[in-house]
Amino acid sequence: MKHPFRAFLWGFVPTLCVFALVAGLCTVWVNTQLVLTPGAALFQLQESEPFRYTLEAFGTELSFQLPQLPDQLTFFSKYPSLLPRSLRLTAWIWDNLSQWMAYLRDFLPY
C-alpha cells in the first residue's frame, strides 16, 4: 500500500466520529434527565445477592446477574492444559514423590 497513513485515517476518523456521537448523545441524555428529575440519583449500583446487581439510573432499575466463576480446582482439572507447564511439572513430581521415596528406601543401606 502506498499510503499507510491514509488507511489509518480511513479507520480512525470514522471510529472517532462514532465515539464522539455516542458520547454526545449520552451527555444530552444525562443533562435532560437531570433537568426532568432533579431529585433522582444519577447512577446507583447495588449488589443485592452474590453476583447479582441492580443498577438504578434516574429512577429506572435494571437488574442483571454476572456468571459465577467455577472453583479453580474444578476448572483446572477440567482443562489442565491452561496451567503453566512449570506448575503441571511440579504437580506431577509431587504426585509421584511418595513412589520415588518408597523406591529409594529399598536401596538405601540404613
N, C-alpha and C. Protein backbone atom coordinates (compact mmCIF):
# COMPACT_ATOMS: atom_id res chain seq x y z
N MET A 1 0.86 -1.18 0.00
CA MET A 1 0.00 0.00 0.00
C MET A 1 0.90 1.24 0.00
N LYS A 2 0.55 2.20 -0.82
CA LYS A 2 1.38 3.39 -0.96
C LYS A 2 1.32 4.29 0.27
N HIS A 3 0.15 4.48 0.76
CA HIS A 3 -0.03 5.44 1.85
C HIS A 3 -0.63 4.74 3.07
N PRO A 4 0.22 4.21 3.97
CA PRO A 4 -0.34 3.53 5.14
C PRO A 4 -1.06 4.49 6.09
N PHE A 5 -0.62 5.75 6.09
CA PHE A 5 -1.28 6.72 6.96
C PHE A 5 -2.71 6.99 6.50
N ARG A 6 -2.94 6.93 5.19
CA ARG A 6 -4.29 7.13 4.67
C ARG A 6 -5.23 6.02 5.14
N ALA A 7 -4.73 4.78 5.16
CA ALA A 7 -5.55 3.66 5.64
C ALA A 7 -5.84 3.82 7.14
N PHE A 8 -4.86 4.32 7.88
CA PHE A 8 -5.08 4.57 9.30
C PHE A 8 -6.18 5.61 9.50
N LEU A 9 -6.11 6.68 8.72
CA LEU A 9 -7.13 7.72 8.84
C LEU A 9 -8.51 7.23 8.43
N TRP A 10 -8.59 6.39 7.40
CA TRP A 10 -9.88 5.85 6.98
C TRP A 10 -10.49 4.98 8.07
N GLY A 11 -9.69 4.39 8.91
CA GLY A 11 -10.22 3.60 10.02
C GLY A 11 -10.45 4.42 11.27
N PHE A 12 -9.52 5.37 11.53
CA PHE A 12 -9.55 6.11 12.78
C PHE A 12 -10.62 7.19 12.80
N VAL A 13 -10.72 7.96 11.75
CA VAL A 13 -11.65 9.10 11.73
C VAL A 13 -13.11 8.65 11.86
N PRO A 14 -13.58 7.65 11.11
CA PRO A 14 -14.97 7.22 11.33
C PRO A 14 -15.20 6.66 12.73
N THR A 15 -14.22 5.94 13.26
CA THR A 15 -14.36 5.41 14.62
C THR A 15 -14.45 6.55 15.63
N LEU A 16 -13.60 7.54 15.45
CA LEU A 16 -13.62 8.71 16.33
C LEU A 16 -14.96 9.43 16.24
N CYS A 17 -15.51 9.56 15.03
CA CYS A 17 -16.80 10.21 14.85
C CYS A 17 -17.94 9.44 15.53
N VAL A 18 -17.89 8.11 15.44
CA VAL A 18 -18.93 7.29 16.09
C VAL A 18 -18.85 7.44 17.60
N PHE A 19 -17.62 7.37 18.16
CA PHE A 19 -17.48 7.51 19.61
C PHE A 19 -17.90 8.91 20.08
N ALA A 20 -17.57 9.94 19.29
CA ALA A 20 -17.98 11.30 19.65
C ALA A 20 -19.49 11.44 19.61
N LEU A 21 -20.14 10.81 18.63
CA LEU A 21 -21.60 10.86 18.54
C LEU A 21 -22.24 10.18 19.74
N VAL A 22 -21.75 9.02 20.11
CA VAL A 22 -22.29 8.29 21.27
C VAL A 22 -22.06 9.09 22.55
N ALA A 23 -20.87 9.66 22.72
CA ALA A 23 -20.59 10.46 23.92
C ALA A 23 -21.49 11.69 23.97
N GLY A 24 -21.72 12.33 22.82
CA GLY A 24 -22.60 13.50 22.79
C GLY A 24 -24.03 13.15 23.13
N LEU A 25 -24.52 12.04 22.57
CA LEU A 25 -25.89 11.61 22.89
C LEU A 25 -26.03 11.24 24.36
N CYS A 26 -25.03 10.59 24.93
CA CYS A 26 -25.09 10.24 26.36
C CYS A 26 -25.09 11.50 27.22
N THR A 27 -24.29 12.49 26.82
CA THR A 27 -24.26 13.75 27.58
C THR A 27 -25.61 14.46 27.53
N VAL A 28 -26.21 14.50 26.35
CA VAL A 28 -27.54 15.12 26.21
C VAL A 28 -28.56 14.37 27.05
N TRP A 29 -28.51 13.03 27.03
CA TRP A 29 -29.47 12.24 27.81
C TRP A 29 -29.31 12.50 29.31
N VAL A 30 -28.05 12.52 29.80
CA VAL A 30 -27.82 12.74 31.24
C VAL A 30 -28.28 14.14 31.62
N ASN A 31 -27.94 15.15 30.84
CA ASN A 31 -28.36 16.52 31.17
C ASN A 31 -29.88 16.67 31.12
N THR A 32 -30.54 16.04 30.16
CA THR A 32 -32.00 16.10 30.08
C THR A 32 -32.64 15.43 31.29
N GLN A 33 -32.11 14.29 31.68
CA GLN A 33 -32.65 13.59 32.84
C GLN A 33 -32.41 14.37 34.13
N LEU A 34 -31.28 15.06 34.21
CA LEU A 34 -31.03 15.89 35.40
C LEU A 34 -32.04 17.02 35.51
N VAL A 35 -32.44 17.58 34.39
CA VAL A 35 -33.42 18.68 34.40
C VAL A 35 -34.81 18.13 34.70
N LEU A 36 -35.18 17.00 34.11
CA LEU A 36 -36.53 16.47 34.28
C LEU A 36 -36.74 15.83 35.65
N THR A 37 -35.72 15.19 36.21
CA THR A 37 -35.83 14.55 37.53
C THR A 37 -34.70 15.05 38.43
N PRO A 38 -34.88 16.25 39.00
CA PRO A 38 -33.78 16.83 39.78
C PRO A 38 -33.48 16.10 41.09
N GLY A 39 -34.45 15.40 41.65
CA GLY A 39 -34.23 14.74 42.94
C GLY A 39 -33.69 13.33 42.84
N ALA A 40 -33.70 12.78 41.65
CA ALA A 40 -33.27 11.38 41.49
C ALA A 40 -31.74 11.30 41.45
N ALA A 41 -31.24 10.16 41.94
CA ALA A 41 -29.80 9.94 41.90
C ALA A 41 -29.39 9.63 40.46
N LEU A 42 -28.18 10.03 40.11
CA LEU A 42 -27.71 9.78 38.75
C LEU A 42 -27.63 8.29 38.46
N PHE A 43 -26.65 7.64 39.05
CA PHE A 43 -26.46 6.21 38.87
C PHE A 43 -26.15 5.60 40.22
N GLN A 44 -26.77 4.47 40.50
CA GLN A 44 -26.54 3.79 41.76
C GLN A 44 -26.47 2.29 41.47
N LEU A 45 -25.37 1.67 41.86
CA LEU A 45 -25.17 0.25 41.63
C LEU A 45 -25.12 -0.45 42.99
N GLN A 46 -25.98 -1.45 43.16
CA GLN A 46 -26.04 -2.20 44.42
C GLN A 46 -25.95 -3.68 44.14
N GLU A 47 -25.27 -4.39 45.04
CA GLU A 47 -25.19 -5.84 44.95
C GLU A 47 -26.23 -6.43 45.89
N SER A 48 -27.31 -6.97 45.34
CA SER A 48 -28.39 -7.49 46.17
C SER A 48 -28.05 -8.89 46.69
N GLU A 49 -27.47 -9.71 45.85
CA GLU A 49 -27.02 -11.05 46.22
C GLU A 49 -25.64 -11.24 45.61
N PRO A 50 -24.93 -12.30 45.99
CA PRO A 50 -23.65 -12.51 45.34
C PRO A 50 -23.82 -12.70 43.83
N PHE A 51 -23.07 -11.93 43.07
CA PHE A 51 -23.06 -11.95 41.61
C PHE A 51 -24.37 -11.44 40.99
N ARG A 52 -25.23 -10.80 41.78
CA ARG A 52 -26.47 -10.22 41.24
C ARG A 52 -26.49 -8.74 41.60
N TYR A 53 -26.65 -7.89 40.58
CA TYR A 53 -26.55 -6.45 40.78
C TYR A 53 -27.81 -5.76 40.29
N THR A 54 -28.06 -4.58 40.88
CA THR A 54 -29.16 -3.73 40.48
C THR A 54 -28.60 -2.35 40.18
N LEU A 55 -28.79 -1.90 38.95
CA LEU A 55 -28.33 -0.58 38.53
C LEU A 55 -29.57 0.32 38.43
N GLU A 56 -29.52 1.45 39.13
CA GLU A 56 -30.62 2.40 39.09
C GLU A 56 -30.10 3.68 38.45
N ALA A 57 -30.73 4.06 37.35
CA ALA A 57 -30.36 5.29 36.65
C ALA A 57 -31.60 6.14 36.49
N PHE A 58 -31.63 7.25 37.21
CA PHE A 58 -32.75 8.20 37.15
C PHE A 58 -34.08 7.54 37.44
N GLY A 59 -34.11 6.67 38.43
CA GLY A 59 -35.36 6.03 38.83
C GLY A 59 -35.69 4.77 38.06
N THR A 60 -34.97 4.44 37.03
CA THR A 60 -35.21 3.22 36.26
C THR A 60 -34.25 2.14 36.75
N GLU A 61 -34.80 0.99 37.14
CA GLU A 61 -33.96 -0.08 37.66
C GLU A 61 -33.69 -1.13 36.60
N LEU A 62 -32.46 -1.61 36.60
CA LEU A 62 -32.04 -2.67 35.71
C LEU A 62 -31.30 -3.70 36.55
N SER A 63 -31.81 -4.93 36.59
CA SER A 63 -31.18 -6.00 37.35
C SER A 63 -30.47 -6.95 36.39
N PHE A 64 -29.28 -7.35 36.76
CA PHE A 64 -28.54 -8.31 35.95
C PHE A 64 -27.69 -9.18 36.86
N GLN A 65 -27.30 -10.31 36.34
CA GLN A 65 -26.51 -11.27 37.11
C GLN A 65 -25.26 -11.63 36.31
N LEU A 66 -24.12 -11.56 36.97
CA LEU A 66 -22.88 -11.96 36.34
C LEU A 66 -22.69 -13.46 36.52
N PRO A 67 -22.08 -14.11 35.56
CA PRO A 67 -21.87 -15.56 35.72
C PRO A 67 -20.88 -15.84 36.83
N GLN A 68 -21.18 -16.83 37.61
CA GLN A 68 -20.31 -17.20 38.72
C GLN A 68 -19.18 -18.08 38.18
N LEU A 69 -17.98 -17.71 38.54
CA LEU A 69 -16.82 -18.47 38.07
C LEU A 69 -16.74 -19.80 38.79
N PRO A 70 -16.33 -20.85 38.10
CA PRO A 70 -16.21 -22.14 38.76
C PRO A 70 -15.02 -22.15 39.72
N ASP A 71 -15.04 -23.11 40.60
CA ASP A 71 -13.93 -23.28 41.52
C ASP A 71 -12.66 -23.55 40.72
N GLN A 72 -11.53 -22.98 41.16
CA GLN A 72 -10.30 -23.10 40.39
C GLN A 72 -9.86 -24.56 40.25
N LEU A 73 -9.98 -25.32 41.31
CA LEU A 73 -9.55 -26.72 41.24
C LEU A 73 -10.39 -27.49 40.24
N THR A 74 -11.68 -27.27 40.23
CA THR A 74 -12.57 -27.93 39.28
C THR A 74 -12.26 -27.47 37.86
N PHE A 75 -12.02 -26.18 37.70
CA PHE A 75 -11.77 -25.62 36.37
C PHE A 75 -10.48 -26.18 35.78
N PHE A 76 -9.41 -26.18 36.58
CA PHE A 76 -8.12 -26.64 36.05
C PHE A 76 -8.06 -28.16 35.95
N SER A 77 -8.88 -28.88 36.70
CA SER A 77 -8.91 -30.33 36.50
C SER A 77 -9.67 -30.66 35.21
N LYS A 78 -10.59 -29.77 34.81
CA LYS A 78 -11.32 -29.99 33.56
C LYS A 78 -10.47 -29.59 32.36
N TYR A 79 -9.70 -28.51 32.50
CA TYR A 79 -8.84 -28.01 31.42
C TYR A 79 -7.40 -27.91 31.93
N PRO A 80 -6.68 -29.02 32.07
CA PRO A 80 -5.33 -28.96 32.65
C PRO A 80 -4.31 -28.27 31.75
N SER A 81 -4.59 -28.16 30.47
CA SER A 81 -3.62 -27.53 29.58
C SER A 81 -3.54 -26.02 29.79
N LEU A 82 -4.48 -25.43 30.54
CA LEU A 82 -4.44 -24.00 30.81
C LEU A 82 -3.41 -23.64 31.88
N LEU A 83 -3.01 -24.62 32.68
CA LEU A 83 -1.99 -24.38 33.69
C LEU A 83 -0.63 -24.23 33.02
N PRO A 84 0.24 -23.39 33.57
CA PRO A 84 1.58 -23.30 33.03
C PRO A 84 2.32 -24.63 33.17
N ARG A 85 3.27 -24.86 32.28
CA ARG A 85 3.98 -26.13 32.27
C ARG A 85 4.75 -26.37 33.57
N SER A 86 5.29 -25.31 34.14
CA SER A 86 6.06 -25.47 35.38
C SER A 86 5.17 -25.97 36.51
N LEU A 87 3.92 -25.48 36.57
CA LEU A 87 3.01 -25.96 37.61
C LEU A 87 2.58 -27.40 37.36
N ARG A 88 2.37 -27.74 36.10
CA ARG A 88 2.00 -29.13 35.80
C ARG A 88 3.15 -30.07 36.16
N LEU A 89 4.38 -29.67 35.88
CA LEU A 89 5.54 -30.49 36.22
C LEU A 89 5.68 -30.63 37.73
N THR A 90 5.49 -29.54 38.46
CA THR A 90 5.57 -29.58 39.92
C THR A 90 4.48 -30.49 40.49
N ALA A 91 3.29 -30.41 39.96
CA ALA A 91 2.20 -31.28 40.45
C ALA A 91 2.50 -32.74 40.13
N TRP A 92 3.07 -33.01 38.97
CA TRP A 92 3.40 -34.38 38.61
C TRP A 92 4.49 -34.93 39.54
N ILE A 93 5.50 -34.11 39.85
CA ILE A 93 6.56 -34.53 40.78
C ILE A 93 5.97 -34.77 42.17
N TRP A 94 5.11 -33.89 42.62
CA TRP A 94 4.52 -34.03 43.95
C TRP A 94 3.66 -35.29 44.04
N ASP A 95 2.92 -35.59 42.98
CA ASP A 95 2.09 -36.80 43.00
C ASP A 95 2.94 -38.07 43.02
N ASN A 96 4.08 -38.05 42.37
CA ASN A 96 4.92 -39.25 42.28
C ASN A 96 6.03 -39.30 43.32
N LEU A 97 6.09 -38.31 44.20
CA LEU A 97 7.16 -38.24 45.19
C LEU A 97 7.11 -39.43 46.15
N SER A 98 5.93 -39.82 46.58
CA SER A 98 5.83 -40.94 47.52
C SER A 98 6.31 -42.24 46.87
N GLN A 99 6.03 -42.44 45.60
CA GLN A 99 6.52 -43.63 44.91
C GLN A 99 8.04 -43.62 44.81
N TRP A 100 8.61 -42.47 44.52
CA TRP A 100 10.06 -42.37 44.41
C TRP A 100 10.73 -42.59 45.76
N MET A 101 10.12 -42.07 46.82
CA MET A 101 10.70 -42.25 48.16
C MET A 101 10.66 -43.72 48.55
N ALA A 102 9.58 -44.41 48.24
CA ALA A 102 9.50 -45.85 48.54
C ALA A 102 10.52 -46.62 47.71
N TYR A 103 10.74 -46.21 46.49
CA TYR A 103 11.74 -46.85 45.64
C TYR A 103 13.15 -46.64 46.19
N LEU A 104 13.44 -45.40 46.65
CA LEU A 104 14.75 -45.12 47.22
C LEU A 104 14.96 -45.80 48.56
N ARG A 105 13.91 -45.96 49.33
CA ARG A 105 14.02 -46.60 50.65
C ARG A 105 14.50 -48.05 50.52
N ASP A 106 14.12 -48.71 49.44
CA ASP A 106 14.55 -50.10 49.25
C ASP A 106 16.04 -50.19 48.97
N PHE A 107 16.66 -49.16 48.39
CA PHE A 107 18.04 -49.21 48.01
C PHE A 107 18.98 -48.53 49.00
N LEU A 108 18.45 -47.80 49.98
CA LEU A 108 19.32 -47.15 50.95
C LEU A 108 19.84 -48.17 51.95
N PRO A 109 21.13 -48.04 52.33
CA PRO A 109 21.70 -49.06 53.23
C PRO A 109 21.21 -48.95 54.68
N TYR A 110 20.74 -47.87 55.11
CA TYR A 110 20.31 -47.74 56.51
C TYR A 110 18.85 -47.95 56.69
